[in-house]
Amino acid sequence: MLFVALTARAQTPVPSPLASVPTTKILAIGRLNGPPTPEVLKLLASREVPETVRLYMAGKIDQWYSLQNGNGVVFILNLSSVEEAHSMLEALPLGQAKLMTFELIPIGPLRPLALLLAQPDKHAQ
């Protein structure tokens, strides 16, 4: 019984004394829903990669990497909305074919940096 109470207490979020920060980017971790088949590889080469390059050239994708296990990608998106990121990624060929799933994580400036400021930022409101 004590274990359950301690576990529940440990999972309760602790309020942070640090100022909140805006979401300035979205970290998108995409994983293929299965092993890459010849059909998936053909779709990647013919449609997915060119569409991803278009998003990069439009400034929507800031950085992109492949997962070391070869089963997906990591994008840092120049978006501030998880909903917008989801819509954009689902519109890509692998998203339309339901062959890739993304974990979307909103990120922003490092909160502890606010402690270096002598006075609160009037522009953060």
Protein backbone atom coordinates (compact mmCIF):
# COMPACT_ATOMS: atom_id res chain seq x y z
CA MET A 1 0.00 0.00 0.00
CA LEU A 2 2.80 2.41 0.85
CA PHE A 3 4.44 1.67 -2.51
CA VAL A 4 1.26 2.65 -4.36
CA ALA A 5 0.99 5.92 -2.43
CA LEU A 6 4.64 6.80 -3.06
CA THR A 7 4.34 5.94 -6.75
CA ALA A 8 1.24 8.10 -7.17
CA ARG A 9 2.92 10.95 -5.33
CA ALA A 10 6.07 10.68 -7.45
CA GLN A 11 4.02 10.95 -10.64
CA THR A 12 2.31 14.18 -9.55
CA PRO A 13 3.84 17.07 -11.50
CA VAL A 14 5.89 19.42 -9.35
CA PRO A 15 5.26 23.09 -10.08
CA SER A 16 8.34 24.80 -11.52
CA PRO A 17 9.50 28.19 -10.26
CA LEU A 18 10.90 28.85 -13.74
CA ALA A 19 9.05 30.97 -16.24
CA SER A 20 7.21 29.17 -19.02
CA VAL A 21 8.64 29.44 -22.51
CA PRO A 22 6.95 29.45 -25.91
CA THR A 23 7.01 26.49 -28.24
CA THR A 24 9.41 27.52 -30.98
CA LYS A 25 10.06 24.21 -32.73
CA ILE A 26 8.63 20.72 -32.95
CA LEU A 27 10.84 17.65 -32.59
CA ALA A 28 9.35 14.98 -34.85
CA ILE A 29 10.55 11.40 -34.50
CA GLY A 30 9.21 9.27 -37.34
CA ARG A 31 9.34 5.49 -37.40
CA LEU A 32 8.36 3.15 -40.20
CA ASN A 33 5.44 0.95 -39.19
CA GLY A 34 7.25 -2.12 -40.53
CA PRO A 35 10.47 -3.17 -42.18
CA PRO A 36 11.24 -1.28 -45.40
CA THR A 37 9.94 -3.37 -48.27
CA PRO A 38 10.90 -2.77 -51.93
CA GLU A 39 7.59 -0.90 -52.34
CA VAL A 40 8.37 1.40 -49.40
CA LEU A 41 11.88 2.04 -50.72
CA LYS A 42 10.44 2.92 -54.15
CA LEU A 43 7.94 5.31 -52.54
CA LEU A 44 10.77 6.87 -50.52
CA ALA A 45 12.94 7.50 -53.57
CA SER A 46 10.22 8.62 -55.95
CA ARG A 47 7.90 10.70 -53.76
CA GLU A 48 8.77 10.97 -50.04
CA VAL A 49 12.29 12.37 -50.40
CA PRO A 50 11.36 15.01 -53.01
CA GLU A 51 8.38 16.15 -50.90
CA THR A 52 10.61 16.34 -47.81
CA VAL A 53 13.16 18.40 -49.74
CA ARG A 54 10.35 20.78 -50.74
CA LEU A 55 9.43 21.24 -47.06
CA TYR A 56 13.08 21.88 -46.23
CA MET A 57 13.42 24.43 -49.04
CA ALA A 58 10.21 26.13 -47.82
CA GLY A 59 11.76 26.49 -44.35
CA LYS A 60 9.32 24.12 -42.62
CA ILE A 61 12.06 21.58 -41.79
CA ASP A 62 15.05 23.11 -40.04
CA GLN A 63 17.16 19.95 -39.61
CA TRP A 64 16.74 16.29 -40.51
CA TYR A 65 18.50 13.12 -39.49
CA SER A 66 18.04 9.38 -39.86
CA LEU A 67 17.66 7.06 -36.94
CA GLN A 68 20.75 4.89 -36.55
CA ASN A 69 18.68 1.72 -36.78
CA GLY A 70 17.54 2.74 -40.28
CA ASN A 71 13.88 2.60 -39.28
CA GLY A 72 13.01 6.28 -39.46
CA VAL A 73 13.87 9.95 -39.30
CA VAL A 74 14.14 12.86 -36.89
CA PHE A 75 13.07 16.32 -37.99
CA ILE A 76 13.37 19.61 -36.17
CA LEU A 77 10.46 21.58 -37.58
CA ASN A 78 10.14 25.36 -37.75
CA LEU A 79 6.60 25.16 -36.42
CA SER A 80 5.05 26.07 -33.08
CA SER A 81 1.96 23.87 -33.25
CA VAL A 82 1.82 20.09 -32.85
CA GLU A 83 -1.42 20.11 -34.85
CA GLU A 84 0.23 21.89 -37.78
CA ALA A 85 3.18 19.47 -37.65
CA HIS A 86 0.83 16.48 -37.61
CA SER A 87 -1.13 17.75 -40.63
CA MET A 88 2.04 18.51 -42.58
CA LEU A 89 3.67 15.13 -41.90
CA GLU A 90 0.49 13.14 -42.53
CA ALA A 91 0.27 14.82 -45.97
CA LEU A 92 3.62 13.29 -46.99
CA PRO A 93 3.39 10.09 -49.08
CA LEU A 94 4.42 7.75 -46.23
CA GLY A 95 1.89 9.45 -43.95
CA GLN A 96 -0.89 9.13 -46.53
CA ALA A 97 -0.05 5.45 -46.95
CA LYS A 98 -0.01 4.98 -43.14
CA LEU A 99 3.56 3.61 -43.38
CA MET A 100 5.20 6.01 -40.90
CA THR A 101 4.14 7.28 -37.49
CA PHE A 102 5.55 10.41 -35.83
CA GLU A 103 6.02 11.27 -32.19
CA LEU A 104 5.69 15.07 -31.98
CA ILE A 105 7.35 16.92 -29.10
CA PRO A 106 6.99 20.69 -28.67
CA ILE A 107 10.27 22.33 -27.66
CA GLY A 108 11.37 25.85 -26.80
CA PRO A 109 14.11 27.90 -25.20
CA LEU A 110 15.93 26.37 -22.24
CA ARG A 111 13.97 27.48 -19.16
CA PRO A 112 16.88 27.79 -16.70
CA LEU A 113 18.46 30.48 -18.90
CA ALA A 114 15.83 32.87 -17.51
CA LEU A 115 17.67 32.69 -14.18
CA LEU A 116 20.57 34.56 -15.81
CA LEU A 117 18.39 37.59 -16.45
CA ALA A 118 18.39 40.32 -13.80
CA GLN A 119 14.79 41.28 -14.51
CA PRO A 120 11.87 39.41 -16.08
CA ASP A 121 11.53 39.93 -19.81
CA LYS A 122 8.69 42.36 -20.50
CA HIS A 123 8.32 40.90 -24.02
CA ALA A 124 7.53 37.37 -22.74
CA GLN A 125 4.01 38.33 -21.73
